[in-house]
Amino acid sequence: MECRMGCGACCIAPSINVLNKTAGERCQYLTDDLLCAVFNTDKRPAACGEFMPEPSVCGSCRQEAMQLITELEQLTAP
């Protein structure tokens, strides 16, 4: 599956510990048009680079991706 341009769900819904980002908070690198400002740079966290979009996580649209990733975050929270 290809990443949906302008989705940003994986930059909002989950926590990203290396960025001190809590679940539901926008990543500091997420642009207004929902793109990653550091996508092809060395500032991009390894955890973000390891995330691979797939239908079971990203669903069929941005709204579904937000819902699915939020649910996964809640299920895996300590």
Protein backbone atom coordinates (compact mmCIF):
# COMPACT_ATOMS: atom_id res chain seq x y z
CA MET A 1 0.00 0.00 0.00
CA GLU A 2 1.21 3.50 -0.81
CA CYS A 3 1.01 6.22 1.81
CA ARG A 4 -1.93 8.59 1.17
CA MET A 5 -0.65 12.10 0.55
CA GLY A 6 -2.21 14.61 2.90
CA CYS A 7 -3.42 12.01 5.41
CA GLY A 8 -1.18 12.60 8.43
CA ALA A 9 -3.01 10.10 10.64
CA CYS A 10 0.25 8.39 11.65
CA CYS A 11 1.61 11.83 12.62
CA ILE A 12 -1.35 12.63 14.87
CA ALA A 13 -3.02 9.52 16.31
CA PRO A 14 -0.09 7.61 17.88
CA SER A 15 2.37 8.66 20.53
CA ILE A 16 5.95 9.08 19.29
CA ASN A 17 8.21 8.76 22.30
CA VAL A 18 11.42 10.05 20.71
CA LEU A 19 9.59 13.31 19.94
CA ASN A 20 7.82 13.47 23.31
CA LYS A 21 4.58 13.49 21.28
CA THR A 22 1.46 12.21 22.97
CA ALA A 23 -1.33 10.35 21.20
CA GLY A 24 -3.73 12.72 19.45
CA GLU A 25 -1.21 15.57 19.32
CA ARG A 26 0.13 16.78 15.96
CA CYS A 27 3.77 15.97 15.32
CA GLN A 28 5.97 19.05 15.30
CA TYR A 29 7.06 18.16 11.75
CA LEU A 30 3.56 17.82 10.30
CA THR A 31 2.86 20.64 7.86
CA ASP A 32 -0.47 22.43 7.40
CA ASP A 33 -1.12 20.32 4.28
CA LEU A 34 -0.57 17.15 6.38
CA LEU A 35 2.83 16.23 4.98
CA CYS A 36 6.04 15.41 6.87
CA ALA A 37 8.49 18.30 6.71
CA VAL A 38 11.43 15.98 7.52
CA PHE A 39 10.41 12.95 5.44
CA ASN A 40 13.65 12.64 3.43
CA THR A 41 16.03 14.08 6.00
CA ASP A 42 18.13 12.78 8.87
CA LYS A 43 15.77 14.56 11.32
CA ARG A 44 13.05 11.98 10.62
CA PRO A 45 12.83 9.62 13.61
CA ALA A 46 13.68 5.98 12.92
CA ALA A 47 10.32 4.94 14.38
CA CYS A 48 8.56 6.96 11.69
CA GLY A 49 10.71 5.45 8.95
CA GLU A 50 9.84 1.96 10.18
CA PHE A 51 6.09 2.56 9.92
CA MET A 52 4.72 0.91 6.79
CA PRO A 53 1.22 1.81 5.64
CA GLU A 54 -1.12 -1.14 5.22
CA PRO A 55 -4.89 -1.49 4.87
CA SER A 56 -5.38 -2.99 8.35
CA VAL A 57 -3.85 0.12 9.93
CA CYS A 58 -4.61 2.86 7.40
CA GLY A 59 -8.02 1.73 6.21
CA SER A 60 -9.52 3.20 3.07
CA CYS A 61 -9.45 6.91 3.97
CA ARG A 62 -7.90 9.41 6.39
CA GLN A 63 -10.86 9.24 8.79
CA GLU A 64 -10.62 5.46 9.00
CA ALA A 65 -6.84 5.66 9.49
CA MET A 66 -7.31 8.05 12.41
CA GLN A 67 -9.84 5.68 13.98
CA LEU A 68 -7.75 2.53 13.47
CA ILE A 69 -4.46 4.05 14.66
CA THR A 70 -6.18 5.61 17.68
CA GLU A 71 -7.63 2.20 18.59
CA LEU A 72 -4.22 0.54 18.19
CA GLU A 73 -2.64 3.22 20.37
CA GLN A 74 -5.24 2.63 23.09
CA LEU A 75 -4.81 -1.16 22.91
CA THR A 76 -1.03 -0.94 23.26
CA ALA A 77 -0.83 1.82 25.86
CA PRO A 78 0.92 0.84 29.10
